[in-house]
Structures are given as structure tokens and as C-alpha cells.
Amino acid sequence: MDHAHHALTHQWNTTYIALSYVIATFASYVSLELAARAGRRPTEAGNRFWLVAQALIIGYGIWAMHFVGMLAFQVPAAISYNLPLTVLSGVAAVALLYPALLILHGGALTAGRLLTAGGVAGTGIVVMHYLGMYALRIPGTAVSVSWAPFLASVLIAVGASVAAFFLFKLVSSEWAEGRSRAVMTALKLGAGLVMGFAIVSMHYTGMAALRHRVVDAGALGTTISGADTGLLALLIGVVTFLLIGLAVTSILMDSGSTHDVGELEFTAEGTD
């Protein structure tokens, strides 16, 4: 009936919004630590590990933030998620971030290289976001697109990717090697906070681009019969921080081995 065609009421769960920002920030900071290693000797086969790790952490981190951000969007309906599309959205992010990182670390930093790498990464983030949004199922509703926030979300995704990739290159440069560990840690922490905010901004701008209209109020169902958002948020949060923990462990082990190598070289020089 025509009178039933109205905007779907919704509210935002501030706890999930905060969690999405924490995930985005942690993933951004760890990705900067990984970038410092991935860009040291990018042509060596051993350093491909760091490239893969960086693509996985930032790709999965953005996807996890995105999914938790979607859980923050709460409506009086029996929502569900299309599993294949949800998984595909995460794969799309990693699949495009890895070649973007290869482009970035494939040579000296130039405007063309930076824009190309940022454009590929931004495309991956946009594809991930809207595939994930399309995976959201709200019975009894129809979805339309508001073009202004949609275009804004694309610009934010590409712009944030370009800025992030500049930082990725910066932390692996000769300039970074001449800075103290305290300075670089402070830079990465500050950059992680800003990158996290940019990622979250893109997500919620993108969500604002979709308009859900009720076309069959009787089909909406109830929140009780829908997906258990609390369990999903807990599961994603645990897996995310486990992966970040593994990445941090690898970084610490690499830092320790690098320090040991430095000591050995110093000892060898001292015996000559």
C-alpha cells in the first residue's frame, strides 16, 4: 500500500561505533609498522611476507570495521546477512590492496605512482563497502541511492588511501631511518588515529548514501528473529584482535632479530 512507503526508522549503537573506530585505528597503526618493513627491500622475496601481511591486516581491518559499523545500524526488523557476499566483500578489499602495495613499493615515490596505488586501494575499499552493504538483508524494504554521499564516500576512500600510502612510503624511507624510535612511534600513533578516523568517516558517509524504504510493513519481522548482532560483534572483535596480535608478535620478533644482527655486525667490526 502506498501509505506504507516510508523511510525505515533506525538508531545507532554508540558502543559499536566506538568499537569500529578502535578496530580501524589499531589496524592502521599496525599496517604502518608493517609498511616500515615491507618497503625496506621490496624486491627481495623475503619481504613479500610483510607485503602480504600488510594487505591482510589493513584489508581485514577495514572490513571488520565496516561490518561492526553495519551492526551499529539498528532497525526494528529481522535483519540478516548474505554470507557469500559478506565474505566476497572482505576478499575484494585484500585482493585490491595487495597489488596497490606492490605498485607503491615497486620504485621511488612519484605522484603518478602514489595516485595509481591510492586509486587501486580506494577502489578496493569502495567495492568492499558496497558489496557488504548489499549483503545486508532487511525484509519488507527497498533501497535507493543518494548520489551526493555516495560520491563523497568514493572521494574519501581514494583520498584516504593516497594519504595512507604516502605515510606507508614515508615510514620506510631514508628520512625515517634518520629519526629516533620515539619520534617514529609518535608519528605512527598519530597517523593511526587520523587514518582510523578517515576510514570510519568513509564508512558512515557510505551508509548515509543508502536509503531504506518500507514497502511491506508486515514483512519486517522483529529484531529477535534476526541476526544476533551482539554475538557477531564479539566474534569479529575477537578474530580481529587475534590477527592484530599475531602481526604485532611478528613485528616484535623481527625487531629483535634486526637488533641482534646489528649487535653481531658491531661485534665483528670491533674484532677487526
C-alpha atoms as a PDB file:
ATOM      1  CA  MET A   1       0.000   0.000   0.000  1.00  0.00           C
ATOM      2  CA  ASP A   2       1.261   3.466  -0.803  1.00  0.00           C
ATOM      3  CA  HIS A   3       0.990   4.783   2.749  1.00  0.00           C
ATOM      4  CA  ALA A   4       3.451   2.114   3.841  1.00  0.00           C
ATOM      5  CA  HIS A   5       6.200   3.508   1.631  1.00  0.00           C
ATOM      6  CA  HIS A   6       8.121   5.493   4.250  1.00  0.00           C
ATOM      7  CA  ALA A   7      11.674   5.698   5.483  1.00  0.00           C
ATOM      8  CA  LEU A   8      12.732   2.872   7.768  1.00  0.00           C
ATOM      9  CA  THR A   9      13.352   4.169  11.273  1.00  0.00           C
ATOM     10  CA  HIS A  10      16.742   3.382  12.728  1.00  0.00           C
ATOM     11  CA  GLN A  11      19.099   4.231  15.560  1.00  0.00           C
ATOM     12  CA  TRP A  12      22.835   3.990  16.101  1.00  0.00           C
ATOM     13  CA  ASN A  13      24.589   1.862  18.700  1.00  0.00           C
ATOM     14  CA  THR A  14      27.353   4.128  20.004  1.00  0.00           C
ATOM     15  CA  THR A  15      29.283   1.191  21.503  1.00  0.00           C
ATOM     16  CA  TYR A  16      29.630  -0.415  18.070  1.00  0.00           C
ATOM     17  CA  ILE A  17      30.573   2.934  16.535  1.00  0.00           C
ATOM     18  CA  ALA A  18      33.352   3.314  19.097  1.00  0.00           C
ATOM     19  CA  LEU A  19      34.477  -0.287  18.508  1.00  0.00           C
ATOM     20  CA  SER A  20      34.606   0.302  14.742  1.00  0.00           C
ATOM     21  CA  TYR A  21      36.924   3.286  15.300  1.00  0.00           C
ATOM     22  CA  VAL A  22      39.159   1.300  17.675  1.00  0.00           C
ATOM     23  CA  ILE A  23      39.481  -1.508  15.100  1.00  0.00           C
ATOM     24  CA  ALA A  24      40.250   0.950  12.282  1.00  0.00           C
ATOM     25  CA  THR A  25      42.868   2.742  14.388  1.00  0.00           C
ATOM     26  CA  PHE A  26      44.623  -0.428  15.562  1.00  0.00           C
ATOM     27  CA  ALA A  27      44.660  -1.823  12.016  1.00  0.00           C
ATOM     28  CA  SER A  28      46.053   1.475  10.694  1.00  0.00           C
ATOM     29  CA  TYR A  29      48.833   1.630  13.284  1.00  0.00           C
ATOM     30  CA  VAL A  30      49.889  -1.996  12.742  1.00  0.00           C
ATOM     31  CA  SER A  31      49.776  -1.516   8.961  1.00  0.00           C
ATOM     32  CA  LEU A  32      52.208   1.400   9.357  1.00  0.00           C
ATOM     33  CA  GLU A  33      54.561  -0.838  11.345  1.00  0.00           C
ATOM     34  CA  LEU A  34      54.304  -3.487   8.622  1.00  0.00           C
ATOM     35  CA  ALA A  35      54.856  -0.853   5.919  1.00  0.00           C
ATOM     36  CA  ALA A  36      58.148   0.127   7.544  1.00  0.00           C
ATOM     37  CA  ARG A  37      59.304  -3.448   6.887  1.00  0.00           C
ATOM     38  CA  ALA A  38      57.589  -4.070   3.544  1.00  0.00           C
ATOM     39  CA  GLY A  39      59.273  -1.056   1.975  1.00  0.00           C
ATOM     40  CA  ARG A  40      62.813  -1.689   3.195  1.00  0.00           C
ATOM     41  CA  ARG A  41      63.834  -4.082   0.405  1.00  0.00           C
ATOM     42  CA  PRO A  42      60.633  -4.626  -1.623  1.00  0.00           C
ATOM     43  CA  THR A  43      62.339  -6.593  -4.392  1.00  0.00           C
ATOM     44  CA  GLU A  44      63.555  -9.317  -2.028  1.00  0.00           C
ATOM     45  CA  ALA A  45      61.382 -12.422  -1.837  1.00  0.00           C
ATOM     46  CA  GLY A  46      61.568 -12.496   1.966  1.00  0.00           C
ATOM     47  CA  ASN A  47      59.938  -9.092   2.258  1.00  0.00           C
ATOM     48  CA  ARG A  48      56.881 -10.250   0.296  1.00  0.00           C
ATOM     49  CA  PHE A  49      55.794 -11.708   3.644  1.00  0.00           C
ATOM     50  CA  TRP A  50      55.468  -8.184   5.014  1.00  0.00           C
ATOM     51  CA  LEU A  51      53.567  -7.041   1.917  1.00  0.00           C
ATOM     52  CA  VAL A  52      51.088  -9.905   2.258  1.00  0.00           C
ATOM     53  CA  ALA A  53      50.792  -9.303   5.999  1.00  0.00           C
ATOM     54  CA  GLN A  54      50.169  -5.605   5.459  1.00  0.00           C
ATOM     55  CA  ALA A  55      47.493  -6.253   2.815  1.00  0.00           C
ATOM     56  CA  LEU A  56      45.773  -8.781   5.095  1.00  0.00           C
ATOM     57  CA  ILE A  57      45.851  -6.585   8.183  1.00  0.00           C
ATOM     58  CA  ILE A  58      44.663  -3.374   6.559  1.00  0.00           C
ATOM     59  CA  GLY A  59      42.188  -5.183   4.282  1.00  0.00           C
ATOM     60  CA  TYR A  60      40.686  -7.331   7.013  1.00  0.00           C
ATOM     61  CA  GLY A  61      40.863  -4.442   9.484  1.00  0.00           C
ATOM     62  CA  ILE A  62      38.837  -2.185   7.198  1.00  0.00           C
ATOM     63  CA  TRP A  63      36.368  -4.996   6.523  1.00  0.00           C
ATOM     64  CA  ALA A  64      35.983  -5.728  10.261  1.00  0.00           C
ATOM     65  CA  MET A  65      35.449  -2.026  10.974  1.00  0.00           C
ATOM     66  CA  HIS A  66      32.904  -1.918   8.162  1.00  0.00           C
ATOM     67  CA  PHE A  67      30.971  -4.919   9.458  1.00  0.00           C
ATOM     68  CA  VAL A  68      30.919  -3.678  13.062  1.00  0.00           C
ATOM     69  CA  GLY A  69      29.804  -0.298  11.702  1.00  0.00           C
ATOM     70  CA  MET A  70      26.936  -2.027   9.930  1.00  0.00           C
ATOM     71  CA  LEU A  71      25.958  -3.721  13.192  1.00  0.00           C
ATOM     72  CA  ALA A  72      25.751  -0.225  14.705  1.00  0.00           C
ATOM     73  CA  PHE A  73      22.898   0.485  12.263  1.00  0.00           C
ATOM     74  CA  GLN A  74      19.959  -0.911  14.224  1.00  0.00           C
ATOM     75  CA  VAL A  75      16.436  -1.124  12.850  1.00  0.00           C
ATOM     76  CA  PRO A  76      13.165  -2.622  14.098  1.00  0.00           C
ATOM     77  CA  ALA A  77      13.324  -5.529  11.645  1.00  0.00           C
ATOM     78  CA  ALA A  78      14.664  -9.076  11.280  1.00  0.00           C
ATOM     79  CA  ILE A  79      17.939  -8.235   9.540  1.00  0.00           C
ATOM     80  CA  SER A  80      20.272 -10.881   8.124  1.00  0.00           C
ATOM     81  CA  TYR A  81      23.439 -11.018   6.021  1.00  0.00           C
ATOM     82  CA  ASN A  82      24.143 -12.845   2.771  1.00  0.00           C
ATOM     83  CA  LEU A  83      27.206 -14.901   3.743  1.00  0.00           C
ATOM     84  CA  PRO A  84      28.802 -15.308   0.262  1.00  0.00           C
ATOM     85  CA  LEU A  85      28.553 -11.567  -0.441  1.00  0.00           C
ATOM     86  CA  THR A  86      29.861 -10.719   3.027  1.00  0.00           C
ATOM     87  CA  VAL A  87      32.903 -12.954   2.541  1.00  0.00           C
ATOM     88  CA  LEU A  88      33.419 -11.672  -1.005  1.00  0.00           C
ATOM     89  CA  SER A  89      33.469  -8.091   0.245  1.00  0.00           C
ATOM     90  CA  GLY A  90      36.387  -8.910   2.551  1.00  0.00           C
ATOM     91  CA  VAL A  91      38.246 -10.794  -0.180  1.00  0.00           C
ATOM     92  CA  ALA A  92      37.779  -7.845  -2.557  1.00  0.00           C
ATOM     93  CA  ALA A  93      39.483  -5.467  -0.135  1.00  0.00           C
ATOM     94  CA  VAL A  94      42.567  -7.658   0.322  1.00  0.00           C
ATOM     95  CA  ALA A  95      42.671  -8.635  -3.377  1.00  0.00           C
ATOM     96  CA  LEU A  96      42.982  -4.997  -4.464  1.00  0.00           C
ATOM     97  CA  LEU A  97      45.107  -3.753  -1.575  1.00  0.00           C
ATOM     98  CA  TYR A  98      47.907  -6.231  -2.290  1.00  0.00           C
ATOM     99  CA  PRO A  99      48.539  -5.089  -5.901  1.00  0.00           C
ATOM    100  CA  ALA A 100      48.198  -1.494  -4.720  1.00  0.00           C
ATOM    101  CA  LEU A 101      51.020  -2.103  -2.224  1.00  0.00           C
ATOM    102  CA  LEU A 102      53.103  -3.773  -4.943  1.00  0.00           C
ATOM    103  CA  ILE A 103      52.692  -0.651  -7.072  1.00  0.00           C
ATOM    104  CA  LEU A 104      53.597   1.605  -4.142  1.00  0.00           C
ATOM    105  CA  HIS A 105      56.754  -0.280  -3.187  1.00  0.00           C
ATOM    106  CA  GLY A 106      57.751  -1.024  -6.773  1.00  0.00           C
ATOM    107  CA  GLY A 107      60.007   2.006  -7.094  1.00  0.00           C
ATOM    108  CA  ALA A 108      60.704   5.554  -5.985  1.00  0.00           C
ATOM    109  CA  LEU A 109      57.763   7.589  -4.768  1.00  0.00           C
ATOM    110  CA  THR A 110      56.269   9.750  -7.524  1.00  0.00           C
ATOM    111  CA  ALA A 111      52.926  11.496  -7.826  1.00  0.00           C
ATOM    112  CA  GLY A 112      51.851   9.057 -10.537  1.00  0.00           C
ATOM    113  CA  ARG A 113      52.825   6.002  -8.502  1.00  0.00           C
ATOM    114  CA  LEU A 114      51.124   7.345  -5.388  1.00  0.00           C
ATOM    115  CA  LEU A 115      47.891   8.246  -7.197  1.00  0.00           C
ATOM    116  CA  THR A 116      47.778   4.923  -9.036  1.00  0.00           C
ATOM    117  CA  ALA A 117      48.343   2.884  -5.872  1.00  0.00           C
ATOM    118  CA  GLY A 118      45.871   5.007  -3.918  1.00  0.00           C
ATOM    119  CA  GLY A 119      43.292   4.716  -6.682  1.00  0.00           C
ATOM    120  CA  VAL A 120      43.538   0.914  -6.766  1.00  0.00           C
ATOM    121  CA  ALA A 121      43.308   0.693  -2.967  1.00  0.00           C
ATOM    122  CA  GLY A 122      40.428   3.175  -2.840  1.00  0.00           C
ATOM    123  CA  THR A 123      38.552   1.154  -5.452  1.00  0.00           C
ATOM    124  CA  GLY A 124      39.009  -1.961  -3.328  1.00  0.00           C
ATOM    125  CA  ILE A 125      37.631  -0.191  -0.271  1.00  0.00           C
ATOM    126  CA  VAL A 126      34.611   1.123  -2.184  1.00  0.00           C
ATOM    127  CA  VAL A 127      33.871  -2.314  -3.680  1.00  0.00           C
ATOM    128  CA  MET A 128      34.226  -3.902  -0.248  1.00  0.00           C
ATOM    129  CA  HIS A 129      31.927  -1.363   1.363  1.00  0.00           C
ATOM    130  CA  TYR A 130      29.069  -1.504  -1.108  1.00  0.00           C
ATOM    131  CA  LEU A 131      29.237  -5.277  -1.541  1.00  0.00           C
ATOM    132  CA  GLY A 132      28.976  -5.547   2.227  1.00  0.00           C
ATOM    133  CA  MET A 133      26.065  -3.117   2.273  1.00  0.00           C
ATOM    134  CA  TYR A 134      24.337  -5.088  -0.462  1.00  0.00           C
ATOM    135  CA  ALA A 135      24.764  -8.225   1.676  1.00  0.00           C
ATOM    136  CA  LEU A 136      22.566  -6.642   4.353  1.00  0.00           C
ATOM    137  CA  ARG A 137      19.036  -8.031   4.089  1.00  0.00           C
ATOM    138  CA  ILE A 138      16.109  -6.122   5.612  1.00  0.00           C
ATOM    139  CA  PRO A 139      12.817  -7.797   4.710  1.00  0.00           C
ATOM    140  CA  GLY A 140       9.944  -5.619   3.540  1.00  0.00           C
ATOM    141  CA  THR A 141      12.203  -2.763   2.403  1.00  0.00           C
ATOM    142  CA  ALA A 142      13.556  -1.313  -0.823  1.00  0.00           C
ATOM    143  CA  VAL A 143      16.873   0.536  -1.144  1.00  0.00           C
ATOM    144  CA  SER A 144      17.709   3.647  -3.143  1.00  0.00           C
ATOM    145  CA  VAL A 145      20.985   5.540  -3.514  1.00  0.00           C
ATOM    146  CA  SER A 146      21.588   9.157  -2.581  1.00  0.00           C
ATOM    147  CA  TRP A 147      24.293  10.240  -5.011  1.00  0.00           C
ATOM    148  CA  ALA A 148      25.881  13.097  -3.043  1.00  0.00           C
ATOM    149  CA  PRO A 149      27.002  10.967  -0.065  1.00  0.00           C
ATOM    150  CA  PHE A 150      27.865   8.104  -2.450  1.00  0.00           C
ATOM    151  CA  LEU A 151      30.286  10.282  -4.429  1.00  0.00           C
ATOM    152  CA  ALA A 152      31.623  11.757  -1.190  1.00  0.00           C
ATOM    153  CA  SER A 153      32.348   8.258   0.139  1.00  0.00           C
ATOM    154  CA  VAL A 154      34.280   7.394  -3.043  1.00  0.00           C
ATOM    155  CA  LEU A 155      36.347  10.587  -2.806  1.00  0.00           C
ATOM    156  CA  ILE A 156      37.076   9.943   0.882  1.00  0.00           C
ATOM    157  CA  ALA A 157      38.117   6.341   0.139  1.00  0.00           C
ATOM    158  CA  VAL A 158      40.531   7.358  -2.620  1.00  0.00           C
ATOM    159  CA  GLY A 159      41.820  10.430  -0.781  1.00  0.00           C
ATOM    160  CA  ALA A 160      42.376   8.499   2.452  1.00  0.00           C
ATOM    161  CA  SER A 161      44.142   5.729   0.514  1.00  0.00           C
ATOM    162  CA  VAL A 162      46.504   8.212  -1.161  1.00  0.00           C
ATOM    163  CA  ALA A 163      47.291   9.823   2.206  1.00  0.00           C
ATOM    164  CA  ALA A 164      47.797   6.434   3.868  1.00  0.00           C
ATOM    165  CA  PHE A 165      50.053   5.204   1.083  1.00  0.00           C
ATOM    166  CA  PHE A 166      52.169   8.341   1.371  1.00  0.00           C
ATOM    167  CA  LEU A 167      52.619   7.520   5.067  1.00  0.00           C
ATOM    168  CA  PHE A 168      53.406   3.873   4.211  1.00  0.00           C
ATOM    169  CA  LYS A 169      56.199   5.071   1.950  1.00  0.00           C
ATOM    170  CA  LEU A 170      57.376   7.685   4.430  1.00  0.00           C
ATOM    171  CA  VAL A 171      57.889   5.230   7.314  1.00  0.00           C
ATOM    172  CA  SER A 172      60.085   3.007   5.106  1.00  0.00           C
ATOM    173  CA  SER A 173      62.166   5.865   3.669  1.00  0.00           C
ATOM    174  CA  GLU A 174      65.679   7.089   4.417  1.00  0.00           C
ATOM    175  CA  TRP A 175      64.056  10.028   6.205  1.00  0.00           C
ATOM    176  CA  ALA A 176      62.503   7.599   8.725  1.00  0.00           C
ATOM    177  CA  GLU A 177      65.822   5.799   9.247  1.00  0.00           C
ATOM    178  CA  GLY A 178      67.347   9.039  10.474  1.00  0.00           C
ATOM    179  CA  ARG A 179      64.671   9.540  13.142  1.00  0.00           C
ATOM    180  CA  SER A 180      64.621   8.134  16.653  1.00  0.00           C
ATOM    181  CA  ARG A 181      62.324   5.279  17.596  1.00  0.00           C
ATOM    182  CA  ALA A 182      60.324   7.595  19.891  1.00  0.00           C
ATOM    183  CA  VAL A 183      59.686  10.064  17.054  1.00  0.00           C
ATOM    184  CA  MET A 184      58.623   7.332  14.643  1.00  0.00           C
ATOM    185  CA  THR A 185      56.361   5.688  17.227  1.00  0.00           C
ATOM    186  CA  ALA A 186      54.668   9.030  17.929  1.00  0.00           C
ATOM    187  CA  LEU A 187      54.268   9.628  14.182  1.00  0.00           C
ATOM    188  CA  LYS A 188      52.716   6.193  13.645  1.00  0.00           C
ATOM    189  CA  LEU A 189      50.370   6.590  16.611  1.00  0.00           C
ATOM    190  CA  GLY A 190      49.177   9.988  15.417  1.00  0.00           C
ATOM    191  CA  ALA A 191      48.847   8.783  11.842  1.00  0.00           C
ATOM    192  CA  GLY A 192      46.953   5.697  13.011  1.00  0.00           C
ATOM    193  CA  LEU A 193      44.414   7.855  14.838  1.00  0.00           C
ATOM    194  CA  VAL A 194      43.900  10.063  11.776  1.00  0.00           C
ATOM    195  CA  MET A 195      43.743   7.112   9.365  1.00  0.00           C
ATOM    196  CA  GLY A 196      41.241   5.381  11.624  1.00  0.00           C
ATOM    197  CA  PHE A 197      39.044   8.468  11.582  1.00  0.00           C
ATOM    198  CA  ALA A 198      39.268   8.695   7.779  1.00  0.00           C
ATOM    199  CA  ILE A 199      38.297   5.024   7.359  1.00  0.00           C
ATOM    200  CA  VAL A 200      35.345   5.384   9.718  1.00  0.00           C
ATOM    201  CA  SER A 201      34.255   8.610   8.007  1.00  0.00           C
ATOM    202  CA  MET A 202      34.172   6.846   4.641  1.00  0.00           C
ATOM    203  CA  HIS A 203      32.089   4.022   6.084  1.00  0.00           C
ATOM    204  CA  TYR A 204      29.407   6.152   7.710  1.00  0.00           C
ATOM    205  CA  THR A 205      29.262   8.520   4.734  1.00  0.00           C
ATOM    206  CA  GLY A 206      28.713   5.466   2.545  1.00  0.00           C
ATOM    207  CA  MET A 207      25.971   4.196   4.830  1.00  0.00           C
ATOM    208  CA  ALA A 208      24.252   7.558   4.569  1.00  0.00           C
ATOM    209  CA  ALA A 209      24.150   7.058   0.784  1.00  0.00           C
ATOM    210  CA  LEU A 210      21.651   4.218   1.086  1.00  0.00           C
ATOM    211  CA  ARG A 211      18.017   4.944   1.825  1.00  0.00           C
ATOM    212  CA  HIS A 212      15.829   2.107   3.112  1.00  0.00           C
ATOM    213  CA  ARG A 213      12.086   2.474   2.482  1.00  0.00           C
ATOM    214  CA  VAL A 214       9.409   0.255   3.979  1.00  0.00           C
ATOM    215  CA  VAL A 215       7.310  -1.306   1.219  1.00  0.00           C
ATOM    216  CA  ASP A 216       5.742  -4.114   3.247  1.00  0.00           C
ATOM    217  CA  ALA A 217       5.487  -3.393   6.972  1.00  0.00           C
ATOM    218  CA  GLY A 218       4.122  -6.880   7.644  1.00  0.00           C
ATOM    219  CA  ALA A 219       7.328  -8.490   6.346  1.00  0.00           C
ATOM    220  CA  LEU A 220       9.706  -6.557   8.606  1.00  0.00           C
ATOM    221  CA  GLY A 221       9.613  -9.119  11.394  1.00  0.00           C
ATOM    222  CA  THR A 222      11.295  -8.380  14.726  1.00  0.00           C
ATOM    223  CA  THR A 223      14.866  -7.880  15.873  1.00  0.00           C
ATOM    224  CA  ILE A 224      14.614 -11.066  17.952  1.00  0.00           C
ATOM    225  CA  SER A 225      14.118 -13.167  14.829  1.00  0.00           C
ATOM    226  CA  GLY A 226      17.057 -11.520  13.034  1.00  0.00           C
ATOM    227  CA  ALA A 227      20.821 -11.941  13.298  1.00  0.00           C
ATOM    228  CA  ASP A 228      22.395 -11.848  16.771  1.00  0.00           C
ATOM    229  CA  THR A 229      24.367  -8.617  16.373  1.00  0.00           C
ATOM    230  CA  GLY A 230      25.998  -8.913  19.797  1.00  0.00           C
ATOM    231  CA  LEU A 231      27.448 -12.332  19.003  1.00  0.00           C
ATOM    232  CA  LEU A 232      28.614 -11.187  15.558  1.00  0.00           C
ATOM    233  CA  ALA A 233      30.330  -8.116  17.013  1.00  0.00           C
ATOM    234  CA  LEU A 234      32.056 -10.237  19.679  1.00  0.00           C
ATOM    235  CA  LEU A 235      33.221 -12.811  17.127  1.00  0.00           C
ATOM    236  CA  ILE A 236      34.594 -10.205  14.718  1.00  0.00           C
ATOM    237  CA  GLY A 237      36.248  -8.263  17.536  1.00  0.00           C
ATOM    238  CA  VAL A 238      37.992 -11.353  18.918  1.00  0.00           C
ATOM    239  CA  VAL A 239      39.225 -12.520  15.489  1.00  0.00           C
ATOM    240  CA  THR A 240      40.388  -9.005  14.618  1.00  0.00           C
ATOM    241  CA  PHE A 241      42.467  -8.541  17.746  1.00  0.00           C
ATOM    242  CA  LEU A 242      43.878 -12.057  17.440  1.00  0.00           C
ATOM    243  CA  LEU A 243      45.110 -11.233  13.924  1.00  0.00           C
ATOM    244  CA  ILE A 244      46.483  -7.894  15.060  1.00  0.00           C
ATOM    245  CA  GLY A 245      48.160  -9.661  17.977  1.00  0.00           C
ATOM    246  CA  LEU A 246      49.830 -12.114  15.587  1.00  0.00           C
ATOM    247  CA  ALA A 247      51.025  -9.234  13.432  1.00  0.00           C
ATOM    248  CA  VAL A 248      52.419  -7.393  16.454  1.00  0.00           C
ATOM    249  CA  THR A 249      54.204 -10.576  17.573  1.00  0.00           C
ATOM    250  CA  SER A 250      55.804 -10.892  14.125  1.00  0.00           C
ATOM    251  CA  ILE A 251      56.870  -7.242  14.269  1.00  0.00           C
ATOM    252  CA  LEU A 252      58.438  -7.690  17.714  1.00  0.00           C
ATOM    253  CA  MET A 253      60.265 -10.826  16.602  1.00  0.00           C
ATOM    254  CA  ASP A 254      61.567  -9.015  13.531  1.00  0.00           C
ATOM    255  CA  SER A 255      62.686  -6.062  15.659  1.00  0.00           C
ATOM    256  CA  GLY A 256      64.517  -8.435  17.980  1.00  0.00           C
ATOM    257  CA  SER A 257      66.274 -10.253  15.137  1.00  0.00           C
ATOM    258  CA  THR A 258      67.230  -6.953  13.493  1.00  0.00           C
ATOM    259  CA  HIS A 259      68.677  -5.758  16.791  1.00  0.00           C
ATOM    260  CA  ASP A 260      70.627  -8.996  17.176  1.00  0.00           C
ATOM    261  CA  VAL A 261      72.024  -8.675  13.646  1.00  0.00           C
ATOM    262  CA  GLY A 262      73.115  -5.122  14.444  1.00  0.00           C
ATOM    263  CA  GLU A 263      74.922  -6.317  17.551  1.00  0.00           C
ATOM    264  CA  LEU A 264      76.677  -9.079  15.594  1.00  0.00           C
ATOM    265  CA  GLU A 265      77.820  -6.634  12.944  1.00  0.00           C
ATOM    266  CA  PHE A 266      79.092  -4.270  15.640  1.00  0.00           C
ATOM    267  CA  THR A 267      80.954  -7.098  17.384  1.00  0.00           C
ATOM    268  CA  ALA A 268      82.504  -8.246  14.105  1.00  0.00           C
ATOM    269  CA  GLU A 269      83.693  -4.746  13.322  1.00  0.00           C
ATOM    270  CA  GLY A 270      85.117  -4.418  16.817  1.00  0.00           C
ATOM    271  CA  THR A 271      87.276  -7.546  16.400  1.00  0.00           C
ATOM    272  CA  ASP A 272      88.919  -6.368  13.172  1.00  0.00           C
END
